[in-house]
Amino acid sequence: MRKAPLLWKITLIGLVALLLQIPVEMIRGLVAERQQARDGVLNDIARGTSHAQRIVGPVIYVPWTRRSVETITSTDQKDRERITKREKVESGQVALLPRTLTIDGTIDSQPKHRGIYTAQVYTLTAQLRGSFEIPAILEAPQGPGTVTWGPAMLVLGIQDTRGVREQVALTWDGAPRPLFPGSADTKDAPSGIHADLGFLPSVRQASTHEFRFDLSLLGTQRLDIVPLGASTDVTLRSAWPHPSFTGGILPNVESRVSAEGFSAQWRTSQLATNLAQLQHRCMQSGQCDAFNQQTLGVSFIQPVDLYQTVERSVKYGFLFILLTFSAFFLFEVLKRLAIHPVQYGLVGIALAVFFLLLISLSEHLGFARAYTIATTACVALIGYYVGHALRSWRRGAAFALFLASLYGLLYVILRLEDYALLTGSALVFVCLAAAMVATRRVDWYAIAASPEAATAQKPA
């Protein structure tokens, strides 16, 4: 059978490569679907235990009520003025933030399994201690009338109170105080626990009060702390070796991460965070975005997210098909062999199946082992098939070695992360240079004009 002209052959090969993008994109969609399923399971685990935790406070809230007489002037049908008076009642609360706040916590992380998925559930054992300075005169928002102060409430805001363990205890000025569920009606502490402090004593000078919370808190995936103290020190330690420090404030005193775990320390003040003003704005107007961003914390992440890594590898699918087809075509040109586009397509499908094997095996064996098994299977299959297509087991072995090198380089690229683009660019350049050197003496016009690239060769 006479072979199609070279340009038509290249067009067919390019078309096959583009058509192979369909299964590659389908596999990419499957990766996203599996990732959504994983996230759904993690959310189910959080709903059954406790969500990510956010600690706000403690804060003293003092409610106030202002009563005033409002005069209303109106006219009747005979244009006579009528003056009526009625009582006007306003209410609100004043928030007092800690003068000093020290949080010293140890985090014990435990994996919680559901099917093939795992969520990191942690238990925070912490001591919160510090002091409040109660001003001599509490000031309510300005306005006419008489202000009456209600009993004060010490509130510790906790994002998900289901995670509160029984060991929580409060000491106020050296004496234990009972704790109750719920919190003040504030926007920055939507839930939590509180202690009733009663009516604050009227004194002519400011008074200082010491507090200590012994807290045990269950959460999943992430812990955030809002450093509300005028001076705040936070120390967290854990045996988890892969922390990701999050929030608007990173560890600025100490940050040690090793295979045995991590230890981190933060130190900040209201002069740096402006949290007093942001918290006041949040209470008054509900504009809490800036307040919510002033957090410090840690996420308990996996060092390499399985689905993100697989998704990154699928992005290189077209590059793999292109490089493999290019090598296949060079064999065809340099060795004067006739390779049918169907054979190109079968090799390309085998390359696409690699990614399907990779994601299915990774969910059970981990990425490294799955990558090794999928690579071995696909390289062996393609090497066996190409050996027969090229009529030489040596050529098949050489092609398999080339393909194995590509898979090895892809694995290196996926692990490098920061240097992935540089390494990938270098790989493309090296392959292009190798192709140009190998074909530097090829007479493409002669090949294109030849009606037959080769006659059937006997197996080597």
Foldseek 3Di string as FASTA:
>chain_A
DWDAFPVVQVVLLVVLLVVLVVLLVVLLVVLVVVVVVLVVVQVVVCVVANAAKEKEAFKKKKKKKFKDKDWDWDADPVRDIDIDIDIDMDMDIDIFGFQEKEKEWEKEWDWDDDPLHIWIKIKIWIKIKGKTKAFLDDDDPDDDGDMDIWWMKTWIAMPTCSFWDPPKWKAKQNHTFDKAWADDPFDVRRTGIMTTPGDDDNDRGIDMMIMMIGTIGMYTFKYKYQQRHQKYKYKYWYQQQDKDKDAPFEQDPDWDHDNRTIIGMHIDGCVVLVLVVLRVCCRPPVPNPSNVRRIIIIGRDDNDDLSVLLSVLSVCLSVLLVLLVLVVVLLCQVVLADADSVLSSVLSVLSSVLSVQQSVVCSPPNNVVSLVVSLVVSLVVQLVSVCVRSLENVVSVVSSVVSSVVSVLSVVLSVVVVCNVVSVVVVVVVSVVVSCVSCVPPDSVVSSPDRGSHDDDHRD
